[in-house]
Amino acid sequence: MTEGAAVIPGEFLFAEDPIVYNEGREVTSLTVLNAADRPVQVGSHYHFAEANPGLDFDRGAAHGKRLNIAAGTAVRFEPGIPVDVELVPLTGARVVPGLRGETGGALDA
């Protein structure tokens, strides 16, 4: 926004360049199959290894990782349809309390 320009309530001002996220992080690619009978959705910051047990994928490879998608978004897995996903390591304190109770604390312990 230029100085002195009028502010319009509710206006969106978009950046000229794309927003880059997770740049330089190690990426793990997996194929996920929803073997359940209904759709499953997994959010951007959910510890992927603890995702719905109806999803069939290498949970060991997913340990400590989340989907490589924009914050606040999710991936929907339809029954019987394989989906290729990218995962990136969870950062910060790397503590995952709660969820399905499979980790229940520090990821690197």
PDB file of N, CA and C in Angstrom:
ATOM      1  N   MET A   1       0.851  -1.168   0.000  1.00  0.00           N
ATOM      2  CA  MET A   1       0.000   0.000   0.000  1.00  0.00           C
ATOM      3  C   MET A   1       0.896   1.230   0.000  1.00  0.00           C
ATOM      4  N   THR A   2       0.579   2.156  -0.825  1.00  0.00           N
ATOM      5  CA  THR A   2       1.381   3.377  -0.894  1.00  0.00           C
ATOM      6  C   THR A   2       0.925   4.364   0.166  1.00  0.00           C
ATOM      7  N   GLU A   3       1.852   5.177   0.603  1.00  0.00           N
ATOM      8  CA  GLU A   3       1.549   6.170   1.636  1.00  0.00           C
ATOM      9  C   GLU A   3       0.493   7.140   1.130  1.00  0.00           C
ATOM     10  N   GLY A   4      -0.471   7.407   1.971  1.00  0.00           N
ATOM     11  CA  GLY A   4      -1.513   8.354   1.611  1.00  0.00           C
ATOM     12  C   GLY A   4      -2.669   7.741   0.837  1.00  0.00           C
ATOM     13  N   ALA A   5      -2.555   6.471   0.446  1.00  0.00           N
ATOM     14  CA  ALA A   5      -3.649   5.824  -0.283  1.00  0.00           C
ATOM     15  C   ALA A   5      -4.807   5.557   0.672  1.00  0.00           C
ATOM     16  N   ALA A   6      -5.993   5.645   0.154  1.00  0.00           N
ATOM     17  CA  ALA A   6      -7.183   5.422   0.976  1.00  0.00           C
ATOM     18  C   ALA A   6      -7.264   3.964   1.410  1.00  0.00           C
ATOM     19  N   VAL A   7      -7.653   3.760   2.647  1.00  0.00           N
ATOM     20  CA  VAL A   7      -7.865   2.416   3.163  1.00  0.00           C
ATOM     21  C   VAL A   7      -9.326   2.061   2.927  1.00  0.00           C
ATOM     22  N   ILE A   8      -9.538   0.916   2.309  1.00  0.00           N
ATOM     23  CA  ILE A   8     -10.894   0.464   2.016  1.00  0.00           C
ATOM     24  C   ILE A   8     -11.220  -0.681   2.980  1.00  0.00           C
ATOM     25  N   PRO A   9     -12.227  -0.526   3.829  1.00  0.00           N
ATOM     26  CA  PRO A   9     -12.574  -1.591   4.777  1.00  0.00           C
ATOM     27  C   PRO A   9     -12.831  -2.913   4.057  1.00  0.00           C
ATOM     28  N   GLY A  10     -12.214  -3.985   4.563  1.00  0.00           N
ATOM     29  CA  GLY A  10     -12.400  -5.311   3.989  1.00  0.00           C
ATOM     30  C   GLY A  10     -11.559  -5.597   2.761  1.00  0.00           C
ATOM     31  N   GLU A  11     -10.738  -4.646   2.359  1.00  0.00           N
ATOM     32  CA  GLU A  11      -9.923  -4.812   1.158  1.00  0.00           C
ATOM     33  C   GLU A  11      -8.815  -5.839   1.397  1.00  0.00           C
ATOM     34  N   PHE A  12      -8.531  -6.636   0.387  1.00  0.00           N
ATOM     35  CA  PHE A  12      -7.413  -7.565   0.411  1.00  0.00           C
ATOM     36  C   PHE A  12      -6.283  -6.983  -0.412  1.00  0.00           C
ATOM     37  N   LEU A  13      -5.082  -6.962   0.141  1.00  0.00           N
ATOM     38  CA  LEU A  13      -3.896  -6.522  -0.589  1.00  0.00           C
ATOM     39  C   LEU A  13      -2.980  -7.728  -0.735  1.00  0.00           C
ATOM     40  N   PHE A  14      -2.773  -8.164  -1.959  1.00  0.00           N
ATOM     41  CA  PHE A  14      -1.989  -9.357  -2.221  1.00  0.00           C
ATOM     42  C   PHE A  14      -0.545  -9.001  -2.528  1.00  0.00           C
ATOM     43  N   ALA A  15       0.375  -9.879  -2.092  1.00  0.00           N
ATOM     44  CA  ALA A  15       1.786  -9.707  -2.409  1.00  0.00           C
ATOM     45  C   ALA A  15       1.992  -9.943  -3.902  1.00  0.00           C
ATOM     46  N   GLU A  16       3.004  -9.315  -4.449  1.00  0.00           N
ATOM     47  CA  GLU A  16       3.289  -9.502  -5.872  1.00  0.00           C
ATOM     48  C   GLU A  16       3.968 -10.837  -6.137  1.00  0.00           C
ATOM     49  N   ASP A  17       4.770 -11.305  -5.179  1.00  0.00           N
ATOM     50  CA  ASP A  17       5.493 -12.565  -5.346  1.00  0.00           C
ATOM     51  C   ASP A  17       4.774 -13.680  -4.593  1.00  0.00           C
ATOM     52  N   PRO A  18       4.945 -14.931  -5.053  1.00  0.00           N
ATOM     53  CA  PRO A  18       4.322 -16.046  -4.337  1.00  0.00           C
ATOM     54  C   PRO A  18       4.901 -16.174  -2.923  1.00  0.00           C
ATOM     55  N   ILE A  19       4.099 -16.679  -2.011  1.00  0.00           N
ATOM     56  CA  ILE A  19       4.559 -16.935  -0.649  1.00  0.00           C
ATOM     57  C   ILE A  19       5.143 -18.339  -0.616  1.00  0.00           C
ATOM     58  N   VAL A  20       6.388 -18.449  -0.191  1.00  0.00           N
ATOM     59  CA  VAL A  20       7.084 -19.730  -0.150  1.00  0.00           C
ATOM     60  C   VAL A  20       7.026 -20.256   1.281  1.00  0.00           C
ATOM     61  N   TYR A  21       6.641 -21.506   1.447  1.00  0.00           N
ATOM     62  CA  TYR A  21       6.612 -22.111   2.774  1.00  0.00           C
ATOM     63  C   TYR A  21       7.353 -23.436   2.748  1.00  0.00           C
ATOM     64  N   ASN A  22       7.916 -23.810   3.884  1.00  0.00           N
ATOM     65  CA  ASN A  22       8.661 -25.059   4.068  1.00  0.00           C
ATOM     66  C   ASN A  22       9.875 -25.168   3.151  1.00  0.00           C
ATOM     67  N   GLU A  23      10.380 -24.046   2.682  1.00  0.00           N
ATOM     68  CA  GLU A  23      11.534 -24.052   1.789  1.00  0.00           C
ATOM     69  C   GLU A  23      12.758 -24.611   2.512  1.00  0.00           C
ATOM     70  N   GLY A  24      13.464 -25.513   1.855  1.00  0.00           N
ATOM     71  CA  GLY A  24      14.694 -26.075   2.393  1.00  0.00           C
ATOM     72  C   GLY A  24      14.491 -27.217   3.373  1.00  0.00           C
ATOM     73  N   ARG A  25      13.260 -27.577   3.656  1.00  0.00           N
ATOM     74  CA  ARG A  25      13.007 -28.685   4.584  1.00  0.00           C
ATOM     75  C   ARG A  25      13.105 -30.016   3.851  1.00  0.00           C
ATOM     76  N   GLU A  26      13.531 -31.031   4.577  1.00  0.00           N
ATOM     77  CA  GLU A  26      13.592 -32.383   4.028  1.00  0.00           C
ATOM     78  C   GLU A  26      12.169 -32.848   3.715  1.00  0.00           C
ATOM     79  N   VAL A  27      11.964 -33.372   2.520  1.00  0.00           N
ATOM     80  CA  VAL A  27      10.628 -33.803   2.093  1.00  0.00           C
ATOM     81  C   VAL A  27      10.597 -35.325   1.972  1.00  0.00           C
ATOM     82  N   THR A  28       9.574 -35.929   2.552  1.00  0.00           N
ATOM     83  CA  THR A  28       9.332 -37.367   2.439  1.00  0.00           C
ATOM     84  C   THR A  28       8.072 -37.555   1.604  1.00  0.00           C
ATOM     85  N   SER A  29       8.167 -38.358   0.546  1.00  0.00           N
ATOM     86  CA  SER A  29       7.004 -38.634  -0.309  1.00  0.00           C
ATOM     87  C   SER A  29       6.435 -40.004   0.031  1.00  0.00           C
ATOM     88  N   LEU A  30       5.122 -40.064   0.196  1.00  0.00           N
ATOM     89  CA  LEU A  30       4.441 -41.319   0.505  1.00  0.00           C
ATOM     90  C   LEU A  30       3.164 -41.432  -0.323  1.00  0.00           C
ATOM     91  N   THR A  31       2.753 -42.667  -0.570  1.00  0.00           N
ATOM     92  CA  THR A  31       1.444 -42.911  -1.162  1.00  0.00           C
ATOM     93  C   THR A  31       0.526 -43.387  -0.047  1.00  0.00           C
ATOM     94  N   VAL A  32      -0.640 -42.766   0.042  1.00  0.00           N
ATOM     95  CA  VAL A  32      -1.610 -43.059   1.096  1.00  0.00           C
ATOM     96  C   VAL A  32      -2.873 -43.612   0.444  1.00  0.00           C
ATOM     97  N   LEU A  33      -3.372 -44.722   0.981  1.00  0.00           N
ATOM     98  CA  LEU A  33      -4.619 -45.309   0.494  1.00  0.00           C
ATOM     99  C   LEU A  33      -5.629 -45.302   1.633  1.00  0.00           C
ATOM    100  N   ASN A  34      -6.783 -44.767   1.382  1.00  0.00           N
ATOM    101  CA  ASN A  34      -7.855 -44.800   2.367  1.00  0.00           C
ATOM    102  C   ASN A  34      -8.574 -46.137   2.219  1.00  0.00           C
ATOM    103  N   ALA A  35      -8.297 -47.065   3.146  1.00  0.00           N
ATOM    104  CA  ALA A  35      -8.912 -48.389   3.120  1.00  0.00           C
ATOM    105  C   ALA A  35     -10.245 -48.409   3.867  1.00  0.00           C
ATOM    106  N   ALA A  36     -10.647 -47.279   4.414  1.00  0.00           N
ATOM    107  CA  ALA A  36     -11.914 -47.180   5.150  1.00  0.00           C
ATOM    108  C   ALA A  36     -13.078 -47.019   4.170  1.00  0.00           C
ATOM    109  N   ASP A  37     -14.280 -46.959   4.715  1.00  0.00           N
ATOM    110  CA  ASP A  37     -15.467 -46.848   3.867  1.00  0.00           C
ATOM    111  C   ASP A  37     -16.026 -45.434   3.785  1.00  0.00           C
ATOM    112  N   ARG A  38     -15.304 -44.464   4.353  1.00  0.00           N
ATOM    113  CA  ARG A  38     -15.743 -43.062   4.278  1.00  0.00           C
ATOM    114  C   ARG A  38     -14.527 -42.157   4.147  1.00  0.00           C
ATOM    115  N   PRO A  39     -14.707 -40.939   3.660  1.00  0.00           N
ATOM    116  CA  PRO A  39     -13.581 -40.019   3.480  1.00  0.00           C
ATOM    117  C   PRO A  39     -12.906 -39.674   4.810  1.00  0.00           C
ATOM    118  N   VAL A  40     -11.611 -39.410   4.722  1.00  0.00           N
ATOM    119  CA  VAL A  40     -10.810 -38.998   5.879  1.00  0.00           C
ATOM    120  C   VAL A  40     -10.083 -37.724   5.492  1.00  0.00           C
ATOM    121  N   GLN A  41     -10.091 -36.753   6.381  1.00  0.00           N
ATOM    122  CA  GLN A  41      -9.397 -35.489   6.130  1.00  0.00           C
ATOM    123  C   GLN A  41      -8.329 -35.300   7.198  1.00  0.00           C
ATOM    124  N   VAL A  42      -7.120 -34.876   6.773  1.00  0.00           N
ATOM    125  CA  VAL A  42      -6.007 -34.641   7.698  1.00  0.00           C
ATOM    126  C   VAL A  42      -5.534 -33.210   7.517  1.00  0.00           C
ATOM    127  N   GLY A  43      -5.434 -32.486   8.622  1.00  0.00           N
ATOM    128  CA  GLY A  43      -5.041 -31.081   8.600  1.00  0.00           C
ATOM    129  C   GLY A  43      -3.548 -30.873   8.464  1.00  0.00           C
ATOM    130  N   SER A  44      -3.189 -29.643   8.159  1.00  0.00           N
ATOM    131  CA  SER A  44      -1.812 -29.262   7.833  1.00  0.00           C
ATOM    132  C   SER A  44      -0.792 -29.545   8.924  1.00  0.00           C
ATOM    133  N   HIS A  45      -1.153 -29.431  10.187  1.00  0.00           N
ATOM    134  CA  HIS A  45      -0.161 -29.564  11.252  1.00  0.00           C
ATOM    135  C   HIS A  45      -0.391 -30.789  12.134  1.00  0.00           C
ATOM    136  N   TYR A  46      -1.159 -31.742  11.652  1.00  0.00           N
ATOM    137  CA  TYR A  46      -1.412 -32.972  12.407  1.00  0.00           C
ATOM    138  C   TYR A  46      -0.231 -33.921  12.236  1.00  0.00           C
ATOM    139  N   HIS A  47       0.217 -34.551  13.336  1.00  0.00           N
ATOM    140  CA  HIS A  47       1.297 -35.544  13.259  1.00  0.00           C
ATOM    141  C   HIS A  47       0.805 -36.698  12.384  1.00  0.00           C
ATOM    142  N   PHE A  48       1.311 -36.754  11.148  1.00  0.00           N
ATOM    143  CA  PHE A  48       0.726 -37.635  10.134  1.00  0.00           C
ATOM    144  C   PHE A  48       0.791 -39.107  10.523  1.00  0.00           C
ATOM    145  N   ALA A  49       1.814 -39.517  11.259  1.00  0.00           N
ATOM    146  CA  ALA A  49       1.925 -40.919  11.664  1.00  0.00           C
ATOM    147  C   ALA A  49       0.738 -41.355  12.518  1.00  0.00           C
ATOM    148  N   GLU A  50       0.069 -40.403  13.174  1.00  0.00           N
ATOM    149  CA  GLU A  50      -1.072 -40.718  14.030  1.00  0.00           C
ATOM    150  C   GLU A  50      -2.417 -40.456  13.347  1.00  0.00           C
ATOM    151  N   ALA A  51      -2.385 -40.271  12.044  1.00  0.00           N
ATOM    152  CA  ALA A  51      -3.635 -40.028  11.311  1.00  0.00           C
ATOM    153  C   ALA A  51      -4.541 -41.258  11.396  1.00  0.00           C
ATOM    154  N   ASN A  52      -5.775 -41.091  11.005  1.00  0.00           N
ATOM    155  CA  ASN A  52      -6.815 -42.113  11.056  1.00  0.00           C
ATOM    156  C   ASN A  52      -6.276 -43.506  10.694  1.00  0.00           C
ATOM    157  N   PRO A  53      -6.569 -44.528  11.524  1.00  0.00           N
ATOM    158  CA  PRO A  53      -6.063 -45.877  11.239  1.00  0.00           C
ATOM    159  C   PRO A  53      -6.613 -46.488   9.955  1.00  0.00           C
ATOM    160  N   GLY A  54      -7.653 -45.892   9.367  1.00  0.00           N
ATOM    161  CA  GLY A  54      -8.169 -46.364   8.086  1.00  0.00           C
ATOM    162  C   GLY A  54      -7.277 -46.006   6.911  1.00  0.00           C
ATOM    163  N   LEU A  55      -6.296 -45.134   7.150  1.00  0.00           N
ATOM    164  CA  LEU A  55      -5.348 -44.768   6.094  1.00  0.00           C
ATOM    165  C   LEU A  55      -4.185 -45.748   6.103  1.00  0.00           C
ATOM    166  N   ASP A  56      -3.852 -46.274   4.930  1.00  0.00           N
ATOM    167  CA  ASP A  56      -2.781 -47.256   4.786  1.00  0.00           C
ATOM    168  C   ASP A  56      -1.562 -46.579   4.167  1.00  0.00           C
ATOM    169  N   PHE A  57      -0.461 -46.486   4.947  1.00  0.00           N
ATOM    170  CA  PHE A  57       0.794 -45.891   4.476  1.00  0.00           C
ATOM    171  C   PHE A  57       1.898 -46.280   5.446  1.00  0.00           C
ATOM    172  N   ASP A  58       3.135 -45.953   5.126  1.00  0.00           N
ATOM    173  CA  ASP A  58       4.291 -46.262   5.968  1.00  0.00           C
ATOM    174  C   ASP A  58       4.331 -45.292   7.153  1.00  0.00           C
ATOM    175  N   ARG A  59       3.765 -45.699   8.272  1.00  0.00           N
ATOM    176  CA  ARG A  59       3.695 -44.825   9.448  1.00  0.00           C
ATOM    177  C   ARG A  59       5.069 -44.568  10.050  1.00  0.00           C
ATOM    178  N   GLY A  60       5.987 -45.507   9.920  1.00  0.00           N
ATOM    179  CA  GLY A  60       7.350 -45.283  10.409  1.00  0.00           C
ATOM    180  C   GLY A  60       8.022 -44.139   9.671  1.00  0.00           C
ATOM    181  N   ALA A  61       7.833 -44.083   8.356  1.00  0.00           N
ATOM    182  CA  ALA A  61       8.416 -42.996   7.556  1.00  0.00           C
ATOM    183  C   ALA A  61       7.754 -41.664   7.867  1.00  0.00           C
ATOM    184  N   ALA A  62       6.518 -41.698   8.376  1.00  0.00           N
ATOM    185  CA  ALA A  62       5.770 -40.473   8.668  1.00  0.00           C
ATOM    186  C   ALA A  62       5.998 -39.966  10.091  1.00  0.00           C
ATOM    187  N   HIS A  63       6.709 -40.731  10.918  1.00  0.00           N
ATOM    188  CA  HIS A  63       6.911 -40.331  12.320  1.00  0.00           C
ATOM    189  C   HIS A  63       7.615 -38.977  12.400  1.00  0.00           C
ATOM    190  N   GLY A  64       7.043 -38.069  13.162  1.00  0.00           N
ATOM    191  CA  GLY A  64       7.637 -36.746  13.349  1.00  0.00           C
ATOM    192  C   GLY A  64       7.397 -35.785  12.203  1.00  0.00           C
ATOM    193  N   LYS A  65       6.466 -36.130  11.312  1.00  0.00           N
ATOM    194  CA  LYS A  65       6.249 -35.301  10.123  1.00  0.00           C
ATOM    195  C   LYS A  65       4.785 -34.875   9.999  1.00  0.00           C
ATOM    196  N   ARG A  66       4.573 -33.841   9.173  1.00  0.00           N
ATOM    197  CA  ARG A  66       3.241 -33.312   8.869  1.00  0.00           C
ATOM    198  C   ARG A  66       3.152 -33.089   7.371  1.00  0.00           C
ATOM    199  N   LEU A  67       1.953 -32.835   6.886  1.00  0.00           N
ATOM    200  CA  LEU A  67       1.767 -32.589   5.457  1.00  0.00           C
ATOM    201  C   LEU A  67       2.488 -31.317   5.014  1.00  0.00           C
ATOM    202  N   ASN A  68       3.040 -31.349   3.827  1.00  0.00           N
ATOM    203  CA  ASN A  68       3.726 -30.194   3.236  1.00  0.00           C
ATOM    204  C   ASN A  68       2.698 -29.365   2.459  1.00  0.00           C
ATOM    205  N   ILE A  69       1.787 -28.758   3.212  1.00  0.00           N
ATOM    206  CA  ILE A  69       0.731 -27.925   2.633  1.00  0.00           C
ATOM    207  C   ILE A  69       0.627 -26.646   3.445  1.00  0.00           C
ATOM    208  N   ALA A  70      -0.071 -25.680   2.926  1.00  0.00           N
ATOM    209  CA  ALA A  70      -0.217 -24.394   3.613  1.00  0.00           C
ATOM    210  C   ALA A  70      -0.947 -24.558   4.944  1.00  0.00           C
ATOM    211  N   ALA A  71      -0.552 -23.752   5.920  1.00  0.00           N
ATOM    212  CA  ALA A  71      -1.186 -23.771   7.239  1.00  0.00           C
ATOM    213  C   ALA A  71      -2.687 -23.538   7.119  1.00  0.00           C
ATOM    214  N   GLY A  72      -3.437 -24.292   7.901  1.00  0.00           N
ATOM    215  CA  GLY A  72      -4.884 -24.128   7.917  1.00  0.00           C
ATOM    216  C   GLY A  72      -5.621 -24.881   6.828  1.00  0.00           C
ATOM    217  N   THR A  73      -4.886 -25.594   5.982  1.00  0.00           N
ATOM    218  CA  THR A  73      -5.525 -26.375   4.922  1.00  0.00           C
ATOM    219  C   THR A  73      -5.491 -27.858   5.303  1.00  0.00           C
ATOM    220  N   ALA A  74      -6.046 -28.705   4.464  1.00  0.00           N
ATOM    221  CA  ALA A  74      -6.101 -30.134   4.741  1.00  0.00           C
ATOM    222  C   ALA A  74      -6.107 -30.912   3.431  1.00  0.00           C
ATOM    223  N   VAL A  75      -5.861 -32.217   3.546  1.00  0.00           N
ATOM    224  CA  VAL A  75      -5.967 -33.124   2.405  1.00  0.00           C
ATOM    225  C   VAL A  75      -7.082 -34.114   2.728  1.00  0.00           C
ATOM    226  N   ARG A  76      -7.944 -34.331   1.757  1.00  0.00           N
ATOM    227  CA  ARG A  76      -9.064 -35.268   1.913  1.00  0.00           C
ATOM    228  C   ARG A  76      -8.720 -36.545   1.154  1.00  0.00           C
ATOM    229  N   PHE A  77      -8.852 -37.674   1.836  1.00  0.00           N
ATOM    230  CA  PHE A  77      -8.567 -38.980   1.258  1.00  0.00           C
ATOM    231  C   PHE A  77      -9.894 -39.711   1.057  1.00  0.00           C
ATOM    232  N   GLU A  78     -10.246 -39.936  -0.202  1.00  0.00           N
ATOM    233  CA  GLU A  78     -11.487 -40.636  -0.530  1.00  0.00           C
ATOM    234  C   GLU A  78     -11.243 -42.144  -0.465  1.00  0.00           C
ATOM    235  N   PRO A  79     -12.238 -42.936  -0.091  1.00  0.00           N
ATOM    236  CA  PRO A  79     -12.069 -44.387   0.014  1.00  0.00           C
ATOM    237  C   PRO A  79     -11.583 -45.020  -1.293  1.00  0.00           C
ATOM    238  N   GLY A  80     -10.565 -45.874  -1.167  1.00  0.00           N
ATOM    239  CA  GLY A  80     -10.073 -46.649  -2.300  1.00  0.00           C
ATOM    240  C   GLY A  80      -9.223 -45.915  -3.307  1.00  0.00           C
ATOM    241  N   ILE A  81      -8.935 -44.640  -3.085  1.00  0.00           N
ATOM    242  CA  ILE A  81      -8.170 -43.858  -4.054  1.00  0.00           C
ATOM    243  C   ILE A  81      -6.793 -43.528  -3.476  1.00  0.00           C
ATOM    244  N   PRO A  82      -5.705 -44.046  -4.092  1.00  0.00           N
ATOM    245  CA  PRO A  82      -4.367 -43.712  -3.587  1.00  0.00           C
ATOM    246  C   PRO A  82      -4.028 -42.247  -3.864  1.00  0.00           C
ATOM    247  N   VAL A  83      -3.376 -41.615  -2.893  1.00  0.00           N
ATOM    248  CA  VAL A  83      -2.987 -40.210  -3.010  1.00  0.00           C
ATOM    249  C   VAL A  83      -1.514 -40.091  -2.642  1.00  0.00           C
ATOM    250  N   ASP A  84      -0.732 -39.436  -3.507  1.00  0.00           N
ATOM    251  CA  ASP A  84       0.672 -39.158  -3.200  1.00  0.00           C
ATOM    252  C   ASP A  84       0.742 -37.869  -2.399  1.00  0.00           C
ATOM    253  N   VAL A  85       1.436 -37.917  -1.250  1.00  0.00           N
ATOM    254  CA  VAL A  85       1.579 -36.735  -0.404  1.00  0.00           C
ATOM    255  C   VAL A  85       3.049 -36.484  -0.119  1.00  0.00           C
ATOM    256  N   GLU A  86       3.339 -35.251   0.260  1.00  0.00           N
ATOM    257  CA  GLU A  86       4.672 -34.882   0.729  1.00  0.00           C
ATOM    258  C   GLU A  86       4.560 -34.515   2.199  1.00  0.00           C
ATOM    259  N   LEU A  87       5.538 -34.964   2.981  1.00  0.00           N
ATOM    260  CA  LEU A  87       5.590 -34.651   4.403  1.00  0.00           C
ATOM    261  C   LEU A  87       6.872 -33.898   4.714  1.00  0.00           C
ATOM    262  N   VAL A  88       6.812 -33.020   5.709  1.00  0.00           N
ATOM    263  CA  VAL A  88       7.992 -32.301   6.201  1.00  0.00           C
ATOM    264  C   VAL A  88       8.061 -32.495   7.709  1.00  0.00           C
ATOM    265  N   PRO A  89       9.262 -32.398   8.293  1.00  0.00           N
ATOM    266  CA  PRO A  89       9.384 -32.583   9.743  1.00  0.00           C
ATOM    267  C   PRO A  89       8.620 -31.520  10.529  1.00  0.00           C
ATOM    268  N   LEU A  90       8.004 -31.946  11.632  1.00  0.00           N
ATOM    269  CA  LEU A  90       7.457 -31.003  12.597  1.00  0.00           C
ATOM    270  C   LEU A  90       8.641 -30.272  13.219  1.00  0.00           C
ATOM    271  N   THR A  91       8.505 -28.988  13.463  1.00  0.00           N
ATOM    272  CA  THR A  91       9.611 -28.228  14.057  1.00  0.00           C
ATOM    273  C   THR A  91       9.182 -27.698  15.421  1.00  0.00           C
ATOM    274  N   GLY A  92       9.932 -26.758  15.938  1.00  0.00           N
ATOM    275  CA  GLY A  92       9.645 -26.232  17.266  1.00  0.00           C
ATOM    276  C   GLY A  92      10.133 -27.207  18.323  1.00  0.00           C
ATOM    277  N   ALA A  93       9.380 -27.365  19.385  1.00  0.00           N
ATOM    278  CA  ALA A  93       9.778 -28.241  20.493  1.00  0.00           C
ATOM    279  C   ALA A  93       9.669 -29.721  20.127  1.00  0.00           C
ATOM    280  N   ARG A  94       9.000 -30.053  19.040  1.00  0.00           N
ATOM    281  CA  ARG A  94       8.803 -31.437  18.582  1.00  0.00           C
ATOM    282  C   ARG A  94       8.171 -32.309  19.669  1.00  0.00           C
ATOM    283  N   VAL A  95       7.137 -31.763  20.298  1.00  0.00           N
ATOM    284  CA  VAL A  95       6.365 -32.489  21.306  1.00  0.00           C
ATOM    285  C   VAL A  95       4.942 -32.627  20.778  1.00  0.00           C
ATOM    286  N   VAL A  96       4.432 -33.863  20.793  1.00  0.00           N
ATOM    287  CA  VAL A  96       3.086 -34.137  20.291  1.00  0.00           C
ATOM    288  C   VAL A  96       2.264 -34.761  21.420  1.00  0.00           C
ATOM    289  N   PRO A  97       1.603 -33.919  22.217  1.00  0.00           N
ATOM    290  CA  PRO A  97       0.741 -34.465  23.270  1.00  0.00           C
ATOM    291  C   PRO A  97      -0.634 -34.811  22.704  1.00  0.00           C
ATOM    292  N   GLY A  98      -1.282 -35.770  23.288  1.00  0.00           N
ATOM    293  CA  GLY A  98      -2.662 -36.058  22.898  1.00  0.00           C
ATOM    294  C   GLY A  98      -2.783 -36.763  21.565  1.00  0.00           C
ATOM    295  N   LEU A  99      -3.621 -36.227  20.694  1.00  0.00           N
ATOM    296  CA  LEU A  99      -3.986 -36.824  19.407  1.00  0.00           C
ATOM    297  C   LEU A  99      -4.528 -38.227  19.651  1.00  0.00           C
ATOM    298  N   ARG A 100      -3.951 -39.235  19.025  1.00  0.00           N
ATOM    299  CA  ARG A 100      -4.435 -40.605  19.216  1.00  0.00           C
ATOM    300  C   ARG A 100      -3.682 -41.324  20.323  1.00  0.00           C
ATOM    301  N   GLY A 101      -2.758 -40.630  20.996  1.00  0.00           N
ATOM    302  CA  GLY A 101      -2.051 -41.205  22.139  1.00  0.00           C
ATOM    303  C   GLY A 101      -0.914 -42.136  21.777  1.00  0.00           C
ATOM    304  N   GLU A 102      -0.505 -42.169  20.529  1.00  0.00           N
ATOM    305  CA  GLU A 102       0.562 -43.071  20.114  1.00  0.00           C
ATOM    306  C   GLU A 102       1.946 -42.513  20.417  1.00  0.00           C
ATOM    307  N   THR A 103       2.089 -41.201  20.394  1.00  0.00           N
ATOM    308  CA  THR A 103       3.375 -40.576  20.705  1.00  0.00           C
ATOM    309  C   THR A 103       3.359 -40.084  22.143  1.00  0.00           C
ATOM    310  N   GLY A 104       2.403 -39.260  22.479  1.00  0.00           N
ATOM    311  CA  GLY A 104       2.215 -38.805  23.845  1.00  0.00           C
ATOM    312  C   GLY A 104       3.368 -38.038  24.443  1.00  0.00           C
ATOM    313  N   GLY A 105       4.076 -37.268  23.640  1.00  0.00           N
ATOM    314  CA  GLY A 105       5.171 -36.470  24.182  1.00  0.00           C
ATOM    315  C   GLY A 105       6.214 -36.143  23.136  1.00  0.00           C
ATOM    316  N   ALA A 106       7.476 -36.184  23.567  1.00  0.00           N
ATOM    317  CA  ALA A 106       8.589 -35.796  22.699  1.00  0.00           C
ATOM    318  C   ALA A 106       8.750 -36.780  21.542  1.00  0.00           C
ATOM    319  N   LEU A 107       8.908 -36.247  20.337  1.00  0.00           N
ATOM    320  CA  LEU A 107       9.078 -37.085  19.149  1.00  0.00           C
ATOM    321  C   LEU A 107      10.451 -37.737  19.094  1.00  0.00           C
ATOM    322  N   ASP A 108      11.435 -37.087  19.676  1.00  0.00           N
ATOM    323  CA  ASP A 108      12.812 -37.569  19.557  1.00  0.00           C
ATOM    324  C   ASP A 108      13.283 -38.320  20.796  1.00  0.00           C
ATOM    325  N   ALA A 109      12.371 -38.699  21.680  1.00  0.00           N
ATOM    326  CA  ALA A 109      12.753 -39.394  22.924  1.00  0.00           C
ATOM    327  C   ALA A 109      13.041 -40.860  22.658  1.00  0.00           C
TER     328      ALA A 109
END
